[in-house]
Protein backbone atom coordinates (compact mmCIF):
# COMPACT_ATOMS: atom_id res chain seq x y z
CA MET A 1 0.00 0.00 0.00
CA LYS A 2 1.38 3.40 -0.98
CA GLU A 3 1.78 6.00 1.75
CA LYS A 4 -0.60 8.93 1.35
CA ALA A 5 -0.93 12.51 2.54
CA ILE A 6 -3.50 15.27 2.14
CA CYS A 7 -2.93 17.88 -0.57
CA CYS A 8 -2.61 21.27 1.16
CA PHE A 9 -4.32 22.95 -1.82
CA CYS A 10 -7.37 20.82 -2.61
CA GLY A 11 -7.73 18.59 0.47
CA ASP A 12 -7.79 15.34 -1.52
CA SER A 13 -5.38 12.51 -0.90
CA VAL A 14 -2.06 12.34 -2.75
CA THR A 15 0.55 9.58 -2.72
CA ILE A 16 3.81 10.64 -1.10
CA GLU A 17 5.81 9.37 -4.09
CA THR A 18 3.94 11.66 -6.54
CA ALA A 19 3.41 14.68 -4.28
CA VAL A 20 5.42 17.88 -4.23
CA ALA A 21 6.92 18.47 -0.80
CA LEU A 22 6.79 22.08 0.30
CA SER A 23 8.82 23.50 3.17
CA ILE A 24 7.85 26.89 4.61
CA LYS A 25 9.70 29.06 7.12
CA PRO A 26 8.01 31.90 9.05
CA ASN A 27 10.82 34.18 7.84
CA HIS A 28 14.16 33.83 6.06
CA ILE A 29 16.30 33.67 9.23
CA SER A 30 14.14 31.14 11.08
CA LYS A 31 15.54 27.69 11.76
CA GLU A 32 12.04 26.29 12.14
CA GLU A 33 9.99 25.15 9.18
CA GLN A 34 6.73 23.41 8.40
CA GLY A 35 6.21 20.84 5.67
CA PHE A 36 3.25 20.29 3.36
CA PHE A 37 2.42 17.91 0.51
CA GLY A 38 0.41 18.66 -2.60
CA HIS A 39 -0.49 17.56 -6.10
CA LYS A 40 1.85 19.02 -8.72
CA GLU A 41 -1.08 20.35 -10.72
CA CYS A 42 -2.60 22.00 -7.64
CA LEU A 43 0.67 23.83 -6.97
CA LYS A 44 0.79 25.06 -10.58
CA PHE A 45 -2.82 26.24 -10.32
CA ALA A 46 -2.17 28.07 -7.03
CA LEU A 47 0.86 29.96 -8.31
CA ASP A 48 0.61 33.08 -10.42
CA GLU A 49 1.14 32.06 -14.05
CA SER A 50 4.24 34.27 -14.22
CA MET A 51 5.94 32.03 -11.62
CA VAL A 52 5.11 28.61 -13.09
CA LYS A 53 7.98 28.85 -15.59
CA TYR A 54 10.45 28.99 -12.66
CA LEU A 55 9.35 25.68 -11.15
CA HIS A 56 11.77 22.74 -11.07
CA PRO A 57 11.58 20.75 -14.36
CA GLU A 58 10.19 17.67 -12.57
CA ILE A 59 7.15 19.70 -11.47
């Protein structure tokens, strides 16, 4: 059975192996961070279209 998580954008389940893993810090000097998982397509939809071209090629 494949491990699953919840997509932080749409709330549906996503397999860990296909999900994008996002890491967010409260500010740029913080040592603490929080992780999220999401569908690749949901991430692309959530970003402004001007930023999508800067995503990693595997996304």
